N, C-alpha and C. Protein backbone atom coordinates (compact mmCIF):
# COMPACT_ATOMS: atom_id res chain seq x y z
N MET A 1 89.16 77.89 105.71
CA MET A 1 90.06 78.73 104.96
C MET A 1 91.21 79.19 105.84
N THR A 2 92.37 79.21 105.27
CA THR A 2 93.54 79.71 106.01
C THR A 2 93.67 81.20 105.78
N GLU A 3 94.02 81.88 106.83
CA GLU A 3 94.19 83.33 106.74
C GLU A 3 95.63 83.65 106.38
N ILE A 4 95.80 84.46 105.37
CA ILE A 4 97.13 84.85 104.92
C ILE A 4 97.54 86.10 105.68
N LYS A 5 98.68 86.03 106.35
CA LYS A 5 99.20 87.21 107.05
C LYS A 5 100.00 88.05 106.08
N ARG A 6 99.69 89.33 106.06
CA ARG A 6 100.41 90.26 105.21
C ARG A 6 101.35 91.09 106.05
N LYS A 7 102.49 91.40 105.47
CA LYS A 7 103.45 92.24 106.14
C LYS A 7 103.80 93.38 105.20
N ASN A 8 103.65 94.61 105.69
CA ASN A 8 104.01 95.77 104.88
C ASN A 8 105.53 95.90 104.83
N ILE A 9 106.03 96.09 103.63
CA ILE A 9 107.46 96.30 103.45
C ILE A 9 107.63 97.66 102.78
N TYR A 10 108.41 98.51 103.42
CA TYR A 10 108.68 99.81 102.83
C TYR A 10 109.90 99.68 101.93
N LEU A 11 109.68 99.89 100.66
CA LEU A 11 110.76 99.80 99.69
C LEU A 11 111.74 100.96 99.84
N TYR A 12 111.19 102.13 100.15
CA TYR A 12 112.02 103.31 100.33
C TYR A 12 112.09 103.65 101.82
N THR A 13 113.27 104.02 102.27
CA THR A 13 113.48 104.33 103.69
C THR A 13 112.78 105.65 104.05
N ARG A 14 112.68 105.90 105.36
CA ARG A 14 112.09 107.17 105.81
C ARG A 14 112.86 108.35 105.22
N TYR A 15 114.17 108.23 105.22
CA TYR A 15 114.97 109.34 104.70
C TYR A 15 114.68 109.57 103.21
N GLU A 16 114.57 108.51 102.43
CA GLU A 16 114.28 108.67 101.00
C GLU A 16 112.92 109.32 100.78
N ARG A 17 111.94 108.91 101.55
CA ARG A 17 110.61 109.51 101.42
C ARG A 17 110.64 110.98 101.86
N PHE A 18 111.34 111.26 102.97
CA PHE A 18 111.48 112.65 103.43
C PHE A 18 112.19 113.49 102.37
N TRP A 19 113.29 112.97 101.83
CA TRP A 19 114.06 113.69 100.82
C TRP A 19 113.19 113.99 99.60
N HIS A 20 112.42 113.03 99.18
CA HIS A 20 111.57 113.21 98.00
C HIS A 20 110.58 114.36 98.21
N TRP A 21 109.86 114.36 99.33
CA TRP A 21 108.85 115.38 99.57
C TRP A 21 109.47 116.73 99.91
N LEU A 22 110.59 116.72 100.60
CA LEU A 22 111.29 117.98 100.87
C LEU A 22 111.73 118.62 99.56
N GLN A 23 112.34 117.82 98.70
CA GLN A 23 112.81 118.34 97.43
C GLN A 23 111.65 118.86 96.58
N ALA A 24 110.54 118.15 96.56
CA ALA A 24 109.38 118.59 95.80
C ALA A 24 108.89 119.95 96.31
N ALA A 25 108.80 120.09 97.63
CA ALA A 25 108.34 121.36 98.21
C ALA A 25 109.32 122.49 97.91
N LEU A 26 110.61 122.20 98.02
CA LEU A 26 111.62 123.23 97.75
C LEU A 26 111.59 123.67 96.28
N ILE A 27 111.46 122.72 95.37
CA ILE A 27 111.44 123.05 93.94
C ILE A 27 110.21 123.87 93.59
N VAL A 28 109.05 123.49 94.12
CA VAL A 28 107.83 124.26 93.84
C VAL A 28 107.97 125.69 94.38
N THR A 29 108.52 125.81 95.59
CA THR A 29 108.72 127.14 96.17
C THR A 29 109.70 127.96 95.34
N LEU A 30 110.77 127.33 94.87
CA LEU A 30 111.74 128.02 94.01
C LEU A 30 111.09 128.46 92.70
N LEU A 31 110.25 127.62 92.13
CA LEU A 31 109.56 128.00 90.90
C LEU A 31 108.64 129.20 91.12
N VAL A 32 107.83 129.14 92.18
CA VAL A 32 106.88 130.22 92.46
C VAL A 32 107.62 131.54 92.70
N THR A 33 108.64 131.51 93.55
CA THR A 33 109.37 132.75 93.84
C THR A 33 110.21 133.19 92.65
N GLY A 34 110.75 132.25 91.91
CA GLY A 34 111.55 132.59 90.73
C GLY A 34 110.73 133.29 89.66
N PHE A 35 109.51 132.80 89.42
CA PHE A 35 108.65 133.47 88.44
C PHE A 35 108.25 134.87 88.93
N GLU A 36 108.07 135.01 90.24
CA GLU A 36 107.74 136.33 90.77
C GLU A 36 108.93 137.29 90.63
N ILE A 37 110.12 136.81 90.91
CA ILE A 37 111.32 137.64 90.74
C ILE A 37 111.46 138.06 89.29
N ASN A 38 111.11 137.16 88.39
CA ASN A 38 111.20 137.44 86.96
C ASN A 38 110.13 138.44 86.50
N GLY A 39 109.12 138.68 87.33
CA GLY A 39 108.07 139.64 86.99
C GLY A 39 106.86 139.04 86.34
N THR A 40 106.71 137.73 86.39
CA THR A 40 105.56 137.07 85.77
C THR A 40 104.27 137.46 86.48
N TYR A 41 104.30 137.58 87.78
CA TYR A 41 103.13 137.98 88.57
C TYR A 41 103.63 138.56 89.89
N SER A 42 102.71 139.06 90.70
CA SER A 42 103.08 139.59 92.01
C SER A 42 102.22 138.90 93.07
N LEU A 43 102.87 138.14 93.93
CA LEU A 43 102.18 137.41 94.98
C LEU A 43 102.70 137.81 96.36
N LEU A 44 104.01 137.76 96.53
CA LEU A 44 104.64 138.08 97.80
C LEU A 44 105.27 139.47 97.81
N GLY A 45 105.50 140.00 96.66
CA GLY A 45 106.27 141.23 96.53
C GLY A 45 107.71 140.86 96.18
N PHE A 46 108.36 141.71 95.40
CA PHE A 46 109.69 141.39 94.90
C PHE A 46 110.70 141.11 96.01
N ALA A 47 110.78 141.99 96.99
CA ALA A 47 111.80 141.84 98.05
C ALA A 47 111.58 140.56 98.85
N THR A 48 110.34 140.27 99.20
CA THR A 48 110.04 139.05 99.96
C THR A 48 110.34 137.81 99.12
N ALA A 49 109.97 137.86 97.84
CA ALA A 49 110.22 136.73 96.94
C ALA A 49 111.72 136.45 96.83
N VAL A 50 112.52 137.50 96.75
CA VAL A 50 113.98 137.32 96.67
C VAL A 50 114.51 136.68 97.95
N ARG A 51 114.06 137.17 99.10
CA ARG A 51 114.52 136.59 100.39
C ARG A 51 114.12 135.12 100.50
N VAL A 52 112.85 134.83 100.20
CA VAL A 52 112.38 133.44 100.28
C VAL A 52 113.14 132.56 99.30
N HIS A 53 113.34 133.06 98.08
CA HIS A 53 114.06 132.30 97.06
C HIS A 53 115.48 131.98 97.51
N ASN A 54 116.16 132.97 98.09
CA ASN A 54 117.53 132.76 98.57
C ASN A 54 117.59 131.74 99.70
N VAL A 55 116.70 131.86 100.67
CA VAL A 55 116.69 130.92 101.81
C VAL A 55 116.38 129.50 101.35
N VAL A 56 115.38 129.37 100.48
CA VAL A 56 115.00 128.05 99.99
C VAL A 56 116.11 127.46 99.12
N GLY A 57 116.77 128.30 98.32
CA GLY A 57 117.88 127.81 97.49
C GLY A 57 119.03 127.29 98.33
N ILE A 58 119.40 128.00 99.38
CA ILE A 58 120.47 127.54 100.29
C ILE A 58 120.03 126.27 101.02
N THR A 59 118.75 126.22 101.41
CA THR A 59 118.22 125.02 102.07
C THR A 59 118.33 123.82 101.14
N TRP A 60 118.00 124.02 99.86
CA TRP A 60 118.08 122.93 98.89
C TRP A 60 119.53 122.49 98.69
N LEU A 61 120.43 123.44 98.65
CA LEU A 61 121.85 123.12 98.50
C LEU A 61 122.35 122.27 99.67
N ILE A 62 121.98 122.65 100.88
CA ILE A 62 122.38 121.89 102.07
C ILE A 62 121.73 120.51 102.07
N ALA A 63 120.44 120.45 101.74
CA ALA A 63 119.74 119.16 101.69
C ALA A 63 120.35 118.24 100.64
N PHE A 64 120.75 118.81 99.51
CA PHE A 64 121.38 118.00 98.46
C PHE A 64 122.73 117.46 98.92
N ALA A 65 123.47 118.27 99.67
CA ALA A 65 124.75 117.80 100.21
C ALA A 65 124.52 116.62 101.16
N PHE A 66 123.49 116.72 102.01
CA PHE A 66 123.16 115.60 102.89
C PHE A 66 122.75 114.36 102.09
N PHE A 67 122.01 114.57 101.00
CA PHE A 67 121.59 113.46 100.16
C PHE A 67 122.80 112.76 99.53
N VAL A 68 123.72 113.54 99.00
CA VAL A 68 124.93 112.96 98.39
C VAL A 68 125.71 112.18 99.45
N PHE A 69 125.86 112.75 100.62
CA PHE A 69 126.55 112.06 101.72
C PHE A 69 125.84 110.75 102.05
N TRP A 70 124.52 110.80 102.15
CA TRP A 70 123.73 109.61 102.49
C TRP A 70 123.86 108.54 101.41
N VAL A 71 123.79 108.94 100.14
CA VAL A 71 123.88 107.98 99.03
C VAL A 71 125.21 107.24 99.06
N PHE A 72 126.29 107.95 99.32
CA PHE A 72 127.59 107.31 99.29
C PHE A 72 127.92 106.53 100.56
N THR A 73 127.43 106.97 101.71
CA THR A 73 127.74 106.25 102.95
C THR A 73 126.89 105.00 103.13
N THR A 74 125.70 104.96 102.54
CA THR A 74 124.83 103.79 102.69
C THR A 74 124.99 102.79 101.55
N GLY A 75 125.69 103.17 100.49
CA GLY A 75 125.84 102.27 99.35
C GLY A 75 124.67 102.37 98.37
N GLU A 76 123.75 103.29 98.62
CA GLU A 76 122.60 103.45 97.73
C GLU A 76 122.99 104.00 96.36
N TRP A 77 124.23 104.43 96.21
CA TRP A 77 124.69 104.92 94.92
C TRP A 77 124.56 103.85 93.84
N ARG A 78 124.55 102.58 94.26
CA ARG A 78 124.41 101.48 93.30
C ARG A 78 123.06 101.53 92.58
N GLN A 79 122.06 102.13 93.23
CA GLN A 79 120.73 102.22 92.63
C GLN A 79 120.72 103.13 91.40
N TYR A 80 121.73 103.96 91.27
CA TYR A 80 121.75 104.97 90.20
C TYR A 80 122.70 104.61 89.06
N ILE A 81 123.34 103.47 89.12
CA ILE A 81 124.23 103.06 88.03
C ILE A 81 123.37 102.71 86.81
N PRO A 82 123.56 103.43 85.71
CA PRO A 82 122.71 103.17 84.55
C PRO A 82 123.00 101.81 83.91
N THR A 83 121.97 101.25 83.32
CA THR A 83 122.09 99.99 82.60
C THR A 83 121.17 100.04 81.38
N THR A 84 121.55 99.31 80.34
CA THR A 84 120.68 99.24 79.17
C THR A 84 119.89 97.94 79.15
N LYS A 85 120.13 97.09 80.14
CA LYS A 85 119.41 95.82 80.22
C LYS A 85 117.92 96.09 80.43
N LYS A 86 117.11 95.63 79.50
CA LYS A 86 115.66 95.80 79.50
C LYS A 86 115.22 97.25 79.29
N MET A 87 116.11 98.11 78.83
CA MET A 87 115.77 99.52 78.60
C MET A 87 114.65 99.66 77.58
N PHE A 88 114.79 98.96 76.44
CA PHE A 88 113.78 99.09 75.39
C PHE A 88 112.45 98.48 75.83
N ALA A 89 112.49 97.46 76.67
CA ALA A 89 111.25 96.88 77.20
C ALA A 89 110.53 97.89 78.09
N VAL A 90 111.29 98.65 78.87
CA VAL A 90 110.69 99.67 79.74
C VAL A 90 110.13 100.82 78.90
N VAL A 91 110.87 101.26 77.89
CA VAL A 91 110.39 102.32 77.01
C VAL A 91 109.12 101.88 76.31
N ARG A 92 109.11 100.64 75.82
CA ARG A 92 107.92 100.10 75.15
C ARG A 92 106.75 100.04 76.12
N TYR A 93 107.02 99.64 77.35
CA TYR A 93 105.97 99.55 78.36
C TYR A 93 105.34 100.92 78.61
N TYR A 94 106.16 101.95 78.80
CA TYR A 94 105.62 103.28 79.07
C TYR A 94 104.95 103.91 77.84
N ALA A 95 105.39 103.54 76.66
CA ALA A 95 104.81 104.10 75.44
C ALA A 95 103.53 103.37 75.01
N TYR A 96 103.44 102.08 75.36
CA TYR A 96 102.35 101.27 74.80
C TYR A 96 101.75 100.30 75.81
N GLY A 97 102.57 99.53 76.47
CA GLY A 97 102.11 98.45 77.33
C GLY A 97 101.31 98.89 78.54
N ILE A 98 101.62 100.05 79.08
CA ILE A 98 100.91 100.54 80.27
C ILE A 98 99.43 100.76 79.97
N PHE A 99 99.11 101.13 78.73
CA PHE A 99 97.73 101.38 78.34
C PHE A 99 96.98 100.09 78.06
N ARG A 100 97.70 99.01 77.90
CA ARG A 100 97.08 97.71 77.63
C ARG A 100 97.00 96.84 78.88
N GLY A 101 97.46 97.38 80.00
CA GLY A 101 97.39 96.62 81.25
C GLY A 101 98.47 95.57 81.41
N GLU A 102 99.54 95.69 80.67
CA GLU A 102 100.64 94.73 80.77
C GLU A 102 101.39 94.93 82.09
N THR A 103 102.06 93.90 82.53
CA THR A 103 102.87 94.02 83.75
C THR A 103 104.18 94.72 83.42
N HIS A 104 104.72 95.39 84.43
CA HIS A 104 105.98 96.12 84.23
C HIS A 104 107.11 95.13 83.97
N PRO A 105 107.97 95.40 82.99
CA PRO A 105 109.05 94.46 82.66
C PRO A 105 110.14 94.38 83.73
N VAL A 106 110.25 95.39 84.57
CA VAL A 106 111.27 95.40 85.62
C VAL A 106 110.60 95.72 86.96
N PRO A 107 110.15 94.70 87.68
CA PRO A 107 109.50 94.96 88.97
C PRO A 107 110.49 95.51 90.00
N LYS A 108 109.97 96.34 90.92
CA LYS A 108 110.83 96.93 91.96
C LYS A 108 111.23 95.88 92.98
N ARG A 109 112.47 96.00 93.43
CA ARG A 109 113.00 95.15 94.50
C ARG A 109 113.83 96.04 95.41
N LYS A 110 114.09 95.58 96.60
CA LYS A 110 114.91 96.34 97.53
C LYS A 110 116.30 96.59 96.94
N GLU A 111 116.81 95.62 96.18
CA GLU A 111 118.15 95.73 95.59
C GLU A 111 118.16 96.59 94.32
N ALA A 112 117.00 96.75 93.69
CA ALA A 112 116.91 97.53 92.45
C ALA A 112 115.59 98.28 92.45
N LYS A 113 115.60 99.45 93.07
CA LYS A 113 114.38 100.24 93.22
C LYS A 113 113.98 100.96 91.94
N HIS A 114 114.96 101.22 91.08
CA HIS A 114 114.71 102.00 89.88
C HIS A 114 114.89 101.14 88.63
N ASN A 115 114.01 101.36 87.65
CA ASN A 115 114.18 100.65 86.38
C ASN A 115 115.24 101.36 85.55
N PRO A 116 115.67 100.77 84.44
CA PRO A 116 116.77 101.37 83.66
C PRO A 116 116.51 102.81 83.21
N LEU A 117 115.27 103.13 82.86
CA LEU A 117 114.95 104.48 82.43
C LEU A 117 115.03 105.46 83.60
N GLN A 118 114.56 105.06 84.76
CA GLN A 118 114.67 105.90 85.95
C GLN A 118 116.12 106.12 86.34
N ARG A 119 116.93 105.07 86.28
CA ARG A 119 118.35 105.19 86.64
C ARG A 119 119.04 106.22 85.77
N LEU A 120 118.79 106.15 84.47
CA LEU A 120 119.41 107.09 83.54
C LEU A 120 118.92 108.51 83.80
N THR A 121 117.62 108.67 84.03
CA THR A 121 117.05 109.99 84.29
C THR A 121 117.57 110.58 85.58
N TYR A 122 117.53 109.81 86.68
CA TYR A 122 117.98 110.33 87.97
C TYR A 122 119.46 110.64 87.97
N LEU A 123 120.26 109.81 87.32
CA LEU A 123 121.69 110.08 87.25
C LEU A 123 121.95 111.36 86.45
N SER A 124 121.23 111.53 85.35
CA SER A 124 121.39 112.74 84.54
C SER A 124 120.98 113.98 85.32
N LEU A 125 119.86 113.90 86.02
CA LEU A 125 119.40 115.04 86.82
C LEU A 125 120.40 115.38 87.92
N ALA A 126 120.83 114.35 88.65
CA ALA A 126 121.71 114.59 89.80
C ALA A 126 123.11 115.01 89.40
N SER A 127 123.59 114.56 88.26
CA SER A 127 124.97 114.87 87.89
C SER A 127 125.09 116.05 86.92
N LEU A 128 124.03 116.38 86.20
CA LEU A 128 124.10 117.46 85.22
C LEU A 128 123.20 118.64 85.55
N LEU A 129 121.90 118.39 85.62
CA LEU A 129 120.95 119.48 85.76
C LEU A 129 121.01 120.16 87.13
N LEU A 130 121.00 119.38 88.21
CA LEU A 130 121.01 119.98 89.54
C LEU A 130 122.26 120.82 89.81
N PRO A 131 123.46 120.33 89.51
CA PRO A 131 124.64 121.20 89.71
C PRO A 131 124.59 122.46 88.85
N LEU A 132 124.08 122.36 87.64
CA LEU A 132 123.96 123.53 86.77
C LEU A 132 122.98 124.55 87.37
N GLN A 133 121.85 124.06 87.88
CA GLN A 133 120.88 124.95 88.52
C GLN A 133 121.48 125.58 89.77
N MET A 134 122.18 124.79 90.56
CA MET A 134 122.77 125.31 91.79
C MET A 134 123.87 126.33 91.48
N LEU A 135 124.66 126.09 90.47
CA LEU A 135 125.70 127.03 90.07
C LEU A 135 125.07 128.35 89.60
N SER A 136 124.04 128.26 88.77
CA SER A 136 123.39 129.49 88.30
C SER A 136 122.74 130.22 89.46
N GLY A 137 122.19 129.49 90.42
CA GLY A 137 121.60 130.12 91.61
C GLY A 137 122.65 130.82 92.45
N LEU A 138 123.80 130.18 92.63
CA LEU A 138 124.88 130.81 93.39
C LEU A 138 125.42 132.05 92.67
N LEU A 139 125.54 131.98 91.35
CA LEU A 139 125.98 133.15 90.58
C LEU A 139 124.98 134.30 90.72
N TYR A 140 123.69 133.97 90.69
CA TYR A 140 122.65 134.98 90.86
C TYR A 140 122.74 135.59 92.26
N TRP A 141 122.92 134.73 93.25
CA TRP A 141 122.94 135.17 94.65
C TRP A 141 124.16 136.05 94.94
N LEU A 142 125.32 135.71 94.35
CA LEU A 142 126.56 136.42 94.62
C LEU A 142 126.84 137.56 93.65
N TYR A 143 125.95 137.80 92.69
CA TYR A 143 126.21 138.75 91.60
C TYR A 143 126.57 140.15 92.11
N ASN A 144 125.77 140.71 92.99
CA ASN A 144 126.05 142.07 93.48
C ASN A 144 126.69 142.00 94.85
C-alpha cells in the first residue's frame, strides 16, 4: 500500500482567525456590560461596567479600523463582493439539504472563502450594522 502524505492548509490566515476570536470576545463583553448598564442584572457594578464597556468599545473600534485597513491592503475585500450566483442553492442547502447529508453547493477555496449568503451577510454587517452600533456607542460615550 502506498502512503498518502497529507498537508494541512489553513484557509484563513492567522490574522483572520485572531480577528474572529477577538471580535467574538469583544462583542460578548459588550453585551454583558451593556445589559448591566441597562439594569438587567448586577455583576460588576454600574461604574465598573461602564468603564469596561467604554474601554472594550474603543478597543473594538480600533480593531475594526485595523481590519478595514487589512482588508483593503491585502485585497481580501474581494471576498466580500456579493453575488447571486448559486445563492438559491445555498439557501436550499441550509434550509433542507444540510439535514439530508448533501454536499455544500459552494465549497470553500482560498480564492472564495465565503459562499454567496455569507458574502451578503458579512457585507451587510460590516457596512450597515457595525457602523450604526459604533456611532450609537460614540454618541452614548460623548453624551455628557
